[in-house]
PDB file of all heavy atoms in Angstrom:
ATOM      1  N   ALA A   1      67.371 113.652  78.378  1.00  0.00           N
ATOM      2  CA  ALA A   1      67.403 112.189  78.448  1.00  0.00           C
ATOM      3  C   ALA A   1      67.428 111.628  77.026  1.00  0.00           C
ATOM      4  O   ALA A   1      66.437 111.726  76.305  1.00  0.00           O
ATOM      5  CB  ALA A   1      66.192 111.676  79.211  1.00  0.00           C
ATOM      6  N   LEU A   2      68.566 111.043  76.637  1.00  0.00           N
ATOM      7  CA  LEU A   2      68.744 110.600  75.259  1.00  0.00           C
ATOM      8  C   LEU A   2      68.670 109.082  75.106  1.00  0.00           C
ATOM      9  O   LEU A   2      68.035 108.584  74.178  1.00  0.00           O
ATOM     10  CB  LEU A   2      70.091 111.106  74.730  1.00  0.00           C
ATOM     11  CG  LEU A   2      70.292 112.624  74.813  1.00  0.00           C
ATOM     12  CD1 LEU A   2      71.681 113.009  74.352  1.00  0.00           C
ATOM     13  CD2 LEU A   2      69.225 113.347  73.986  1.00  0.00           C
ATOM     14  N   ILE A   3      69.318 108.349  76.011  1.00  0.00           N
ATOM     15  CA  ILE A   3      69.290 106.885  75.967  1.00  0.00           C
ATOM     16  C   ILE A   3      69.079 106.378  77.385  1.00  0.00           C
ATOM     17  O   ILE A   3      69.755 106.811  78.325  1.00  0.00           O
ATOM     18  CB  ILE A   3      70.596 106.304  75.390  1.00  0.00           C
ATOM     19  CG1 ILE A   3      70.825 106.805  73.963  1.00  0.00           C
ATOM     20  CG2 ILE A   3      70.554 104.773  75.418  1.00  0.00           C
ATOM     21  CD1 ILE A   3      72.154 106.357  73.376  1.00  0.00           C
ATOM     22  N   ASP A   4      68.137 105.445  77.546  1.00  0.00           N
ATOM     23  CA  ASP A   4      67.856 104.857  78.856  1.00  0.00           C
ATOM     24  C   ASP A   4      68.247 103.384  78.883  1.00  0.00           C
ATOM     25  O   ASP A   4      68.045 102.654  77.897  1.00  0.00           O
ATOM     26  CB  ASP A   4      66.355 104.956  79.174  1.00  0.00           C
ATOM     27  CG  ASP A   4      65.899 106.387  79.405  1.00  0.00           C
ATOM     28  OD1 ASP A   4      66.751 107.242  79.706  1.00  0.00           O
ATOM     29  OD2 ASP A   4      64.679 106.629  79.264  1.00  0.00           O
ATOM     30  N   ASP A   5      68.794 102.950  80.019  1.00  0.00           N
ATOM     31  CA  ASP A   5      68.931 101.532  80.367  1.00  0.00           C
ATOM     32  C   ASP A   5      69.743 100.724  79.358  1.00  0.00           C
ATOM     33  O   ASP A   5      69.408  99.566  79.059  1.00  0.00           O
ATOM     34  CB  ASP A   5      67.560 100.881  80.530  1.00  0.00           C
ATOM     35  CG  ASP A   5      66.724 101.568  81.590  1.00  0.00           C
ATOM     36  OD1 ASP A   5      67.320 101.994  82.596  1.00  0.00           O
ATOM     37  OD2 ASP A   5      65.500 101.691  81.408  1.00  0.00           O
ATOM     38  N   ALA A   6      70.833 101.299  78.851  1.00  0.00           N
ATOM     39  CA  ALA A   6      71.746 100.513  78.021  1.00  0.00           C
ATOM     40  C   ALA A   6      72.538  99.568  78.924  1.00  0.00           C
ATOM     41  O   ALA A   6      73.105  99.986  79.934  1.00  0.00           O
ATOM     42  CB  ALA A   6      72.696 101.425  77.260  1.00  0.00           C
ATOM     43  N   ILE A   7      72.565  98.293  78.575  1.00  0.00           N
ATOM     44  CA  ILE A   7      73.286  97.281  79.362  1.00  0.00           C
ATOM     45  C   ILE A   7      74.558  96.894  78.604  1.00  0.00           C
ATOM     46  O   ILE A   7      74.507  96.551  77.419  1.00  0.00           O
ATOM     47  CB  ILE A   7      72.424  96.026  79.581  1.00  0.00           C
ATOM     48  CG1 ILE A   7      71.082  96.408  80.224  1.00  0.00           C
ATOM     49  CG2 ILE A   7      73.169  95.021  80.448  1.00  0.00           C
ATOM     50  CD1 ILE A   7      71.190  97.015  81.581  1.00  0.00           C
ATOM     51  N   ILE A   8      75.703  96.947  79.310  1.00  0.00           N
ATOM     52  CA  ILE A   8      76.982  96.582  78.707  1.00  0.00           C
ATOM     53  C   ILE A   8      77.491  95.299  79.336  1.00  0.00           C
ATOM     54  O   ILE A   8      77.574  95.184  80.565  1.00  0.00           O
ATOM     55  CB  ILE A   8      78.023  97.698  78.874  1.00  0.00           C
ATOM     56  CG1 ILE A   8      77.560  98.975  78.179  1.00  0.00           C
ATOM     57  CG2 ILE A   8      79.373  97.256  78.318  1.00  0.00           C
ATOM     58  CD1 ILE A   8      78.510 100.144  78.354  1.00  0.00           C
ATOM     59  N   LEU A   9      77.842  94.328  78.498  1.00  0.00           N
ATOM     60  CA  LEU A   9      78.548  93.117  78.915  1.00  0.00           C
ATOM     61  C   LEU A   9      79.970  93.207  78.369  1.00  0.00           C
ATOM     62  O   LEU A   9      80.183  93.043  77.167  1.00  0.00           O
ATOM     63  CB  LEU A   9      77.843  91.867  78.378  1.00  0.00           C
ATOM     64  CG  LEU A   9      78.571  90.532  78.581  1.00  0.00           C
ATOM     65  CD1 LEU A   9      78.737  90.228  80.056  1.00  0.00           C
ATOM     66  CD2 LEU A   9      77.811  89.399  77.888  1.00  0.00           C
ATOM     67  N   PRO A  10      80.962  93.486  79.221  1.00  0.00           N
ATOM     68  CA  PRO A  10      82.336  93.689  78.738  1.00  0.00           C
ATOM     69  C   PRO A  10      83.142  92.389  78.768  1.00  0.00           C
ATOM     70  O   PRO A  10      83.865  92.105  79.744  1.00  0.00           O
ATOM     71  CB  PRO A  10      82.890  94.706  79.740  1.00  0.00           C
ATOM     72  CG  PRO A  10      82.190  94.365  81.025  1.00  0.00           C
ATOM     73  CD  PRO A  10      80.830  93.817  80.647  1.00  0.00           C
ATOM     74  N   ALA A  11      83.034  91.578  77.724  1.00  0.00           N
ATOM     75  CA  ALA A  11      83.796  90.321  77.659  1.00  0.00           C
ATOM     76  C   ALA A  11      85.281  90.663  77.569  1.00  0.00           C
ATOM     77  O   ALA A  11      85.727  91.238  76.577  1.00  0.00           O
ATOM     78  CB  ALA A  11      83.353  89.510  76.455  1.00  0.00           C
ATOM     79  N   THR A  12      86.043  90.313  78.611  1.00  0.00           N
ATOM     80  CA  THR A  12      87.412  90.811  78.751  1.00  0.00           C
ATOM     81  C   THR A  12      88.352  89.684  79.150  1.00  0.00           C
ATOM     82  O   THR A  12      88.033  88.880  80.029  1.00  0.00           O
ATOM     83  CB  THR A  12      87.468  91.917  79.831  1.00  0.00           C
ATOM     84  OG1 THR A  12      86.555  92.955  79.481  1.00  0.00           O
ATOM     85  CG2 THR A  12      88.862  92.486  79.971  1.00  0.00           C
ATOM     86  N   VAL A  13      89.533  89.657  78.541  1.00  0.00           N
ATOM     87  CA  VAL A  13      90.613  88.750  78.940  1.00  0.00           C
ATOM     88  C   VAL A  13      91.888  89.569  79.054  1.00  0.00           C
ATOM     89  O   VAL A  13      92.240  90.309  78.134  1.00  0.00           O
ATOM     90  CB  VAL A  13      90.818  87.605  77.934  1.00  0.00           C
ATOM     91  CG1 VAL A  13      92.006  86.738  78.350  1.00  0.00           C
ATOM     92  CG2 VAL A  13      89.565  86.749  77.828  1.00  0.00           C
ATOM     93  N   THR A  14      92.586  89.442  80.204  1.00  0.00           N
ATOM     94  CA  THR A  14      93.855  90.143  80.394  1.00  0.00           C
ATOM     95  C   THR A  14      94.943  89.161  80.808  1.00  0.00           C
ATOM     96  O   THR A  14      94.674  88.154  81.480  1.00  0.00           O
ATOM     97  CB  THR A  14      93.744  91.243  81.470  1.00  0.00           C
ATOM     98  OG1 THR A  14      93.278  90.675  82.699  1.00  0.00           O
ATOM     99  CG2 THR A  14      92.793  92.343  81.030  1.00  0.00           C
ATOM    100  N   ALA A  15      96.168  89.475  80.419  1.00  0.00           N
ATOM    101  CA  ALA A  15      97.352  88.772  80.894  1.00  0.00           C
ATOM    102  C   ALA A  15      98.013  89.647  81.946  1.00  0.00           C
ATOM    103  O   ALA A  15      98.154  90.862  81.749  1.00  0.00           O
ATOM    104  CB  ALA A  15      98.320  88.499  79.745  1.00  0.00           C
ATOM    105  N   LYS A  16      98.431  89.053  83.076  1.00  0.00           N
ATOM    106  CA  LYS A  16      98.911  89.827  84.215  1.00  0.00           C
ATOM    107  C   LYS A  16     100.290  89.337  84.665  1.00  0.00           C
ATOM    108  O   LYS A  16     100.561  88.131  84.657  1.00  0.00           O
ATOM    109  CB  LYS A  16      97.921  89.710  85.370  1.00  0.00           C
ATOM    110  CG  LYS A  16      96.539  90.233  85.051  1.00  0.00           C
ATOM    111  CD  LYS A  16      95.500  89.789  86.065  1.00  0.00           C
ATOM    112  CE  LYS A  16      95.772  90.280  87.456  1.00  0.00           C
ATOM    113  NZ  LYS A  16      94.717  89.850  88.406  1.00  0.00           N
ATOM    114  N   TYR A  17     101.117  90.298  85.106  1.00  0.00           N
ATOM    115  CA  TYR A  17     102.413  89.961  85.693  1.00  0.00           C
ATOM    116  C   TYR A  17     102.404  90.421  87.151  1.00  0.00           C
ATOM    117  O   TYR A  17     102.071  91.566  87.449  1.00  0.00           O
ATOM    118  CB  TYR A  17     103.563  90.630  84.943  1.00  0.00           C
ATOM    119  CG  TYR A  17     104.915  90.193  85.466  1.00  0.00           C
ATOM    120  CD1 TYR A  17     105.494  89.016  85.018  1.00  0.00           C
ATOM    121  CD2 TYR A  17     105.580  90.946  86.431  1.00  0.00           C
ATOM    122  CE1 TYR A  17     106.713  88.590  85.507  1.00  0.00           C
ATOM    123  CE2 TYR A  17     106.798  90.524  86.937  1.00  0.00           C
ATOM    124  CZ  TYR A  17     107.361  89.342  86.465  1.00  0.00           C
ATOM    125  OH  TYR A  17     108.573  88.918  86.963  1.00  0.00           O
ATOM    126  N   HIS A  18     102.819  89.506  88.062  1.00  0.00           N
ATOM    127  CA  HIS A  18     102.757  89.749  89.493  1.00  0.00           C
ATOM    128  C   HIS A  18     104.163  89.815  90.090  1.00  0.00           C
ATOM    129  O   HIS A  18     105.065  89.091  89.665  1.00  0.00           O
ATOM    130  CB  HIS A  18     101.999  88.613  90.198  1.00  0.00           C
ATOM    131  CG  HIS A  18     100.650  88.337  89.640  1.00  0.00           C
ATOM    132  ND1 HIS A  18      99.479  88.662  90.290  1.00  0.00           N
ATOM    133  CD2 HIS A  18     100.271  87.736  88.472  1.00  0.00           C
ATOM    134  CE1 HIS A  18      98.443  88.279  89.565  1.00  0.00           C
ATOM    135  NE2 HIS A  18      98.898  87.717  88.458  1.00  0.00           N
ATOM    136  N   TRP A  19     104.309  90.664  91.118  1.00  0.00           N
ATOM    137  CA  TRP A  19     105.539  90.698  91.913  1.00  0.00           C
ATOM    138  C   TRP A  19     105.211  90.239  93.326  1.00  0.00           C
ATOM    139  O   TRP A  19     104.224  90.683  93.914  1.00  0.00           O
ATOM    140  CB  TRP A  19     106.115  92.109  91.989  1.00  0.00           C
ATOM    141  CG  TRP A  19     106.665  92.625  90.713  1.00  0.00           C
ATOM    142  CD1 TRP A  19     107.947  92.525  90.264  1.00  0.00           C
ATOM    143  CD2 TRP A  19     105.955  93.362  89.697  1.00  0.00           C
ATOM    144  NE1 TRP A  19     108.077  93.143  89.045  1.00  0.00           N
ATOM    145  CE2 TRP A  19     106.871  93.665  88.669  1.00  0.00           C
ATOM    146  CE3 TRP A  19     104.628  93.795  89.571  1.00  0.00           C
ATOM    147  CZ2 TRP A  19     106.510  94.371  87.533  1.00  0.00           C
ATOM    148  CZ3 TRP A  19     104.265  94.492  88.443  1.00  0.00           C
ATOM    149  CH2 TRP A  19     105.189  94.779  87.439  1.00  0.00           C
ATOM    150  N   ALA A  20     106.062  89.358  93.897  1.00  0.00           N
ATOM    151  CA  ALA A  20     105.903  88.916  95.279  1.00  0.00           C
ATOM    152  C   ALA A  20     106.771  89.794  96.180  1.00  0.00           C
ATOM    153  O   ALA A  20     107.966  89.928  95.959  1.00  0.00           O
ATOM    154  CB  ALA A  20     106.312  87.454  95.425  1.00  0.00           C
ATOM    155  N   MET A  21     106.143  90.415  97.198  1.00  0.00           N
ATOM    156  CA  MET A  21     106.863  91.299  98.108  1.00  0.00           C
ATOM    157  C   MET A  21     106.683  90.828  99.540  1.00  0.00           C
ATOM    158  O   MET A  21     105.976  89.842  99.814  1.00  0.00           O
ATOM    159  CB  MET A  21     106.360  92.742  97.919  1.00  0.00           C
ATOM    160  CG  MET A  21     106.477  93.223  96.478  1.00  0.00           C
ATOM    161  SD  MET A  21     105.962  94.932  96.234  1.00  0.00           S
ATOM    162  CE  MET A  21     107.364  95.781  96.969  1.00  0.00           C
ATOM    163  N   ASP A  22     107.330  91.498 100.476  1.00  0.00           N
ATOM    164  CA  ASP A  22     107.262  91.112 101.875  1.00  0.00           C
ATOM    165  C   ASP A  22     105.822  91.092 102.370  1.00  0.00           C
ATOM    166  O   ASP A  22     104.996  91.935 101.995  1.00  0.00           O
ATOM    167  CB  ASP A  22     108.076  92.091 102.730  1.00  0.00           C
ATOM    168  CG  ASP A  22     109.574  92.000 102.468  1.00  0.00           C
ATOM    169  OD1 ASP A  22     109.982  90.981 101.876  1.00  0.00           O
ATOM    170  OD2 ASP A  22     110.305  92.939 102.840  1.00  0.00           O
ATOM    171  N   GLY A  23     105.541  90.111 103.231  1.00  0.00           N
ATOM    172  CA  GLY A  23     104.215  90.007 103.809  1.00  0.00           C
ATOM    173  C   GLY A  23     103.169  89.428 102.889  1.00  0.00           C
ATOM    174  O   GLY A  23     101.985  89.439 103.209  1.00  0.00           O
ATOM    175  N   GLY A  24     103.593  88.916 101.726  1.00  0.00           N
ATOM    176  CA  GLY A  24     102.643  88.339 100.778  1.00  0.00           C
ATOM    177  C   GLY A  24     101.985  89.344  99.861  1.00  0.00           C
ATOM    178  O   GLY A  24     101.162  88.972  99.020  1.00  0.00           O
ATOM    179  N   PHE A  25     102.312  90.632 100.014  1.00  0.00           N
ATOM    180  CA  PHE A  25     101.745  91.679  99.165  1.00  0.00           C
ATOM    181  C   PHE A  25     102.203  91.470  97.722  1.00  0.00           C
ATOM    182  O   PHE A  25     103.394  91.336  97.445  1.00  0.00           O
ATOM    183  CB  PHE A  25     102.207  93.045  99.673  1.00  0.00           C
ATOM    184  CG  PHE A  25     101.679  94.209  98.876  1.00  0.00           C
ATOM    185  CD1 PHE A  25     100.355  94.598  98.974  1.00  0.00           C
ATOM    186  CD2 PHE A  25     102.526  94.921  98.040  1.00  0.00           C
ATOM    187  CE1 PHE A  25      99.874  95.685  98.258  1.00  0.00           C
ATOM    188  CE2 PHE A  25     102.051  96.010  97.320  1.00  0.00           C
ATOM    189  CZ  PHE A  25     100.722  96.381  97.425  1.00  0.00           C
ATOM    190  N   LYS A  26     101.244  91.415  96.788  1.00  0.00           N
ATOM    191  CA  LYS A  26     101.557  91.125  95.383  1.00  0.00           C
ATOM    192  C   LYS A  26     100.914  92.152  94.454  1.00  0.00           C
ATOM    193  O   LYS A  26      99.751  92.005  94.073  1.00  0.00           O
ATOM    194  CB  LYS A  26     101.084  89.721  95.005  1.00  0.00           C
ATOM    195  CG  LYS A  26     101.870  88.598  95.651  1.00  0.00           C
ATOM    196  CD  LYS A  26     101.450  87.242  95.106  1.00  0.00           C
ATOM    197  CE  LYS A  26     102.320  86.137  95.663  1.00  0.00           C
ATOM    198  NZ  LYS A  26     101.948  84.805  95.108  1.00  0.00           N
ATOM    199  N   PRO A  27     101.644  93.190  94.077  1.00  0.00           N
ATOM    200  CA  PRO A  27     101.132  94.104  93.046  1.00  0.00           C
ATOM    201  C   PRO A  27     101.231  93.457  91.676  1.00  0.00           C
ATOM    202  O   PRO A  27     102.029  92.519  91.460  1.00  0.00           O
ATOM    203  CB  PRO A  27     102.058  95.314  93.157  1.00  0.00           C
ATOM    204  CG  PRO A  27     103.325  94.764  93.715  1.00  0.00           C
ATOM    205  CD  PRO A  27     102.957  93.606  94.598  1.00  0.00           C
ATOM    206  N   TYR A  28     100.428  93.941  90.736  1.00  0.00           N
ATOM    207  CA  TYR A  28     100.467  93.392  89.381  1.00  0.00           C
ATOM    208  C   TYR A  28     100.090  94.466  88.370  1.00  0.00           C
ATOM    209  O   TYR A  28      99.477  95.482  88.698  1.00  0.00           O
ATOM    210  CB  TYR A  28      99.534  92.181  89.240  1.00  0.00           C
ATOM    211  CG  TYR A  28      98.081  92.464  89.536  1.00  0.00           C
ATOM    212  CD1 TYR A  28      97.250  93.074  88.593  1.00  0.00           C
ATOM    213  CD2 TYR A  28      97.523  92.109  90.757  1.00  0.00           C
ATOM    214  CE1 TYR A  28      95.911  93.325  88.857  1.00  0.00           C
ATOM    215  CE2 TYR A  28      96.189  92.360  91.040  1.00  0.00           C
ATOM    216  CZ  TYR A  28      95.389  92.966  90.094  1.00  0.00           C
ATOM    217  OH  TYR A  28      94.059  93.221  90.365  1.00  0.00           O
ATOM    218  N   VAL A  29     100.478  94.202  87.140  1.00  0.00           N
ATOM    219  CA  VAL A  29     100.027  94.993  85.999  1.00  0.00           C
ATOM    220  C   VAL A  29      99.537  94.019  84.936  1.00  0.00           C
ATOM    221  O   VAL A  29      99.927  92.839  84.923  1.00  0.00           O
ATOM    222  CB  VAL A  29     101.140  95.897  85.419  1.00  0.00           C
ATOM    223  CG1 VAL A  29     101.543  96.963  86.418  1.00  0.00           C
ATOM    224  CG2 VAL A  29     102.349  95.068  84.997  1.00  0.00           C
ATOM    225  N   GLY A  30      98.683  94.505  84.041  1.00  0.00           N
ATOM    226  CA  GLY A  30      98.150  93.641  83.002  1.00  0.00           C
ATOM    227  C   GLY A  30      97.663  94.425  81.811  1.00  0.00           C
ATOM    228  O   GLY A  30      97.535  95.649  81.843  1.00  0.00           O
ATOM    229  N   ALA A  31      97.376  93.693  80.754  1.00  0.00           N
ATOM    230  CA  ALA A  31      96.816  94.282  79.537  1.00  0.00           C
ATOM    231  C   ALA A  31      96.057  93.185  78.800  1.00  0.00           C
ATOM    232  O   ALA A  31      96.357  91.992  78.955  1.00  0.00           O
ATOM    233  CB  ALA A  31      97.908  94.870  78.651  1.00  0.00           C
ATOM    234  N   GLY A  32      95.088  93.592  77.991  1.00  0.00           N
ATOM    235  CA  GLY A  32      94.330  92.586  77.266  1.00  0.00           C
ATOM    236  C   GLY A  32      93.359  93.188  76.276  1.00  0.00           C
ATOM    237  O   GLY A  32      93.474  94.360  75.893  1.00  0.00           O
ATOM    238  N   VAL A  33      92.410  92.354  75.874  1.00  0.00           N
ATOM    239  CA  VAL A  33      91.421  92.743  74.864  1.00  0.00           C
ATOM    240  C   VAL A  33      90.028  92.601  75.450  1.00  0.00           C
ATOM    241  O   VAL A  33      89.801  91.865  76.414  1.00  0.00           O
ATOM    242  CB  VAL A  33      91.553  91.888  73.589  1.00  0.00           C
ATOM    243  CG1 VAL A  33      92.878  92.161  72.896  1.00  0.00           C
ATOM    244  CG2 VAL A  33      91.420  90.403  73.919  1.00  0.00           C
ATOM    245  N   THR A  34      89.093  93.321  74.843  1.00  0.00           N
ATOM    246  CA  THR A  34      87.715  93.274  75.302  1.00  0.00           C
ATOM    247  C   THR A  34      86.769  93.394  74.117  1.00  0.00           C
ATOM    248  O   THR A  34      87.143  93.905  73.052  1.00  0.00           O
ATOM    249  CB  THR A  34      87.439  94.407  76.313  1.00  0.00           C
ATOM    250  OG1 THR A  34      86.137  94.227  76.891  1.00  0.00           O
ATOM    251  CG2 THR A  34      87.502  95.770  75.640  1.00  0.00           C
ATOM    252  N   HIS A  35      85.557  92.921  74.302  1.00  0.00           N
ATOM    253  CA  HIS A  35      84.481  93.139  73.343  1.00  0.00           C
ATOM    254  C   HIS A  35      83.252  93.558  74.132  1.00  0.00           C
ATOM    255  O   HIS A  35      82.769  92.811  74.978  1.00  0.00           O
ATOM    256  CB  HIS A  35      84.195  91.874  72.529  1.00  0.00           C
ATOM    257  CG  HIS A  35      83.236  92.102  71.402  1.00  0.00           C
ATOM    258  ND1 HIS A  35      81.876  91.968  71.548  1.00  0.00           N
ATOM    259  CD2 HIS A  35      83.430  92.468  70.106  1.00  0.00           C
ATOM    260  CE1 HIS A  35      81.273  92.225  70.382  1.00  0.00           C
ATOM    261  NE2 HIS A  35      82.190  92.538  69.507  1.00  0.00           N
ATOM    262  N   PHE A  36      82.784  94.774  73.881  1.00  0.00           N
ATOM    263  CA  PHE A  36      81.600  95.285  74.556  1.00  0.00           C
ATOM    264  C   PHE A  36      80.355  94.864  73.784  1.00  0.00           C
ATOM    265  O   PHE A  36      80.157  95.266  72.637  1.00  0.00           O
ATOM    266  CB  PHE A  36      81.640  96.808  74.652  1.00  0.00           C
ATOM    267  CG  PHE A  36      82.409  97.339  75.834  1.00  0.00           C
ATOM    268  CD1 PHE A  36      83.392  96.582  76.443  1.00  0.00           C
ATOM    269  CD2 PHE A  36      82.149  98.603  76.327  1.00  0.00           C
ATOM    270  CE1 PHE A  36      84.103  97.067  77.531  1.00  0.00           C
ATOM    271  CE2 PHE A  36      82.845  99.099  77.417  1.00  0.00           C
ATOM    272  CZ  PHE A  36      83.823  98.330  78.019  1.00  0.00           C
ATOM    273  N   PHE A  37      79.511  94.056  74.433  1.00  0.00           N
ATOM    274  CA  PHE A  37      78.189  93.749  73.909  1.00  0.00           C
ATOM    275  C   PHE A  37      77.208  94.706  74.587  1.00  0.00           C
ATOM    276  O   PHE A  37      77.114  94.739  75.817  1.00  0.00           O
ATOM    277  CB  PHE A  37      77.806  92.304  74.224  1.00  0.00           C
ATOM    278  CG  PHE A  37      78.685  91.284  73.557  1.00  0.00           C
ATOM    279  CD1 PHE A  37      79.790  90.763  74.222  1.00  0.00           C
ATOM    280  CD2 PHE A  37      78.412  90.851  72.267  1.00  0.00           C
ATOM    281  CE1 PHE A  37      80.600  89.820  73.621  1.00  0.00           C
ATOM    282  CE2 PHE A  37      79.220  89.901  71.654  1.00  0.00           C
ATOM    283  CZ  PHE A  37      80.316  89.388  72.330  1.00  0.00           C
ATOM    284  N   ILE A  38      76.488  95.503  73.793  1.00  0.00           N
ATOM    285  CA  ILE A  38      75.569  96.503  74.330  1.00  0.00           C
ATOM    286  C   ILE A  38      74.157  96.168  73.858  1.00  0.00           C
ATOM    287  O   ILE A  38      73.911  95.992  72.661  1.00  0.00           O
ATOM    288  CB  ILE A  38      75.963  97.922  73.877  1.00  0.00           C
ATOM    289  CG1 ILE A  38      77.437  98.195  74.209  1.00  0.00           C
ATOM    290  CG2 ILE A  38      75.064  98.960  74.532  1.00  0.00           C
ATOM    291  CD1 ILE A  38      77.949  99.539  73.726  1.00  0.00           C
TER     292      ILE A  38
END
C-alpha cells in the first residue's frame, strides 16, 4: 500500500463531430484537452 485515497478532478473539454443515421442513431468522435487536479 503506497498511496491511499488520491482524488482526481479531470477538468476536460472536448470538441465532437456527430453523424446522423437511420432511426436517430448518432455516433460521434471527439478530441480535447484536460487538466488533472489531484
